């Protein structure tokens, strides 16, 4: 009786262990394939980061090399510039041909 139980237990456990080992190797192959794809994705992202960093650095240096000088608007000749307590103001004639 003990032999019978031992043989049935072996008959049940052997296919289960082989099935588990087969599934494990299959999952290892999937994991390795996924790992390869992730490594290639990381490599491409690192290349993209380096190009973006160099581009950003170039943009910063160009910005600092070319100072922006605000353009002052030109005032018409008829306007008269005056000051009150250090604050400039303009006297604007009502007619365009006020000099006549």
Protein backbone atom coordinates (compact mmCIF):
# COMPACT_ATOMS: atom_id res chain seq x y z
CA UNK A 1 0.00 0.00 0.00
CA UNK A 2 2.83 2.36 0.78
CA UNK A 3 4.37 1.66 -2.60
CA UNK A 4 1.13 2.43 -4.33
CA UNK A 5 0.77 5.77 -2.56
CA UNK A 6 4.37 6.62 -3.29
CA UNK A 7 4.02 5.79 -6.98
CA UNK A 8 0.79 7.78 -7.35
CA UNK A 9 2.35 10.74 -5.56
CA UNK A 10 5.35 10.55 -7.89
CA UNK A 11 3.05 10.18 -10.88
CA UNK A 12 1.21 13.34 -9.88
CA UNK A 13 4.23 15.38 -8.78
CA UNK A 14 6.50 14.63 -11.77
CA UNK A 15 4.25 16.17 -14.45
CA UNK A 16 3.53 19.13 -12.18
CA UNK A 17 7.23 19.85 -11.64
CA UNK A 18 7.96 19.51 -15.36
CA UNK A 19 5.08 21.84 -16.12
CA UNK A 20 6.35 24.35 -13.59
CA UNK A 21 9.89 24.19 -14.99
CA UNK A 22 8.60 24.63 -18.54
CA UNK A 23 6.54 27.64 -17.53
CA UNK A 24 9.50 29.08 -15.68
CA UNK A 25 11.81 28.88 -18.71
CA UNK A 26 9.12 30.40 -20.90
CA UNK A 27 8.66 33.29 -18.51
CA UNK A 28 12.44 33.74 -18.32
CA UNK A 29 12.53 34.11 -22.10
CA UNK A 30 9.75 36.68 -21.94
CA UNK A 31 11.52 38.55 -19.16
CA UNK A 32 14.79 38.55 -21.11
CA UNK A 33 13.05 39.85 -24.24
CA UNK A 34 11.34 42.57 -22.22
CA UNK A 35 14.63 43.43 -20.55
CA UNK A 36 16.32 43.83 -23.95
CA UNK A 37 13.55 46.12 -25.19
CA UNK A 38 13.71 48.20 -22.02
CA UNK A 39 17.49 48.54 -22.29
CA UNK A 40 17.18 49.76 -25.88
CA UNK A 41 14.48 52.21 -24.82
CA UNK A 42 16.68 53.54 -22.01
CA UNK A 43 19.58 53.98 -24.43
CA UNK A 44 17.43 55.94 -26.87
CA UNK A 45 16.08 58.12 -24.05
CA UNK A 46 19.60 58.85 -22.81
CA UNK A 47 20.60 59.96 -26.33
CA UNK A 48 17.55 62.20 -26.47
CA UNK A 49 18.39 63.73 -23.09
CA UNK A 50 21.94 64.55 -24.16
CA UNK A 51 20.74 66.24 -27.36
CA UNK A 52 18.13 68.23 -25.46
CA UNK A 53 20.65 69.30 -22.82
CA UNK A 54 23.11 70.54 -25.44
CA UNK A 55 20.31 72.34 -27.25
CA UNK A 56 19.12 73.97 -24.04
CA UNK A 57 22.68 75.03 -23.16
CA UNK A 58 23.13 76.54 -26.62
CA UNK A 59 19.85 78.46 -26.28
CA UNK A 60 20.93 79.84 -22.90
CA UNK A 61 24.29 81.03 -24.18
CA UNK A 62 22.68 82.71 -27.19
CA UNK A 63 20.22 84.48 -24.93
CA UNK A 64 22.99 85.87 -22.74
CA UNK A 65 25.25 86.78 -25.64
CA UNK A 66 22.62 88.92 -27.34
CA UNK A 67 21.37 91.52 -24.89
CA UNK A 68 17.92 92.85 -25.59
CA UNK A 69 17.80 96.62 -25.81
CA UNK A 70 14.27 97.94 -25.58
CA UNK A 71 13.35 100.17 -28.48
CA UNK A 72 12.18 103.57 -27.32
CA UNK A 73 9.20 104.81 -29.25
CA UNK A 74 9.86 107.94 -31.26
CA UNK A 75 7.79 110.92 -30.24
CA UNK A 76 6.50 113.35 -32.86
CA UNK A 77 8.40 116.60 -33.25
CA UNK A 78 5.38 118.68 -32.28
CA UNK A 79 5.24 117.22 -28.78
CA UNK A 80 7.09 119.23 -26.15
CA UNK A 81 8.85 117.32 -23.40
CA UNK A 82 8.71 118.90 -19.94
CA UNK A 83 9.24 117.79 -16.38
CA UNK A 84 7.31 118.16 -13.16
CA UNK A 85 9.07 117.05 -9.96
CA UNK A 86 11.47 114.97 -12.04
CA UNK A 87 8.69 113.14 -13.90
CA UNK A 88 8.68 113.74 -17.66
CA UNK A 89 5.46 114.60 -19.43
CA UNK A 90 4.59 115.84 -22.91
CA UNK A 91 2.53 118.75 -24.07
CA UNK A 92 0.62 117.55 -27.10
CA UNK A 93 -0.86 120.14 -29.45
CA UNK A 94 -4.52 119.71 -30.32
CA UNK A 95 -4.04 120.57 -33.97
CA UNK A 96 -1.46 118.89 -36.14
CA UNK A 97 -0.54 122.14 -37.92
CA UNK A 98 -0.19 124.25 -34.79
CA UNK A 99 3.08 125.85 -35.96
CA UNK A 100 1.34 127.80 -38.72
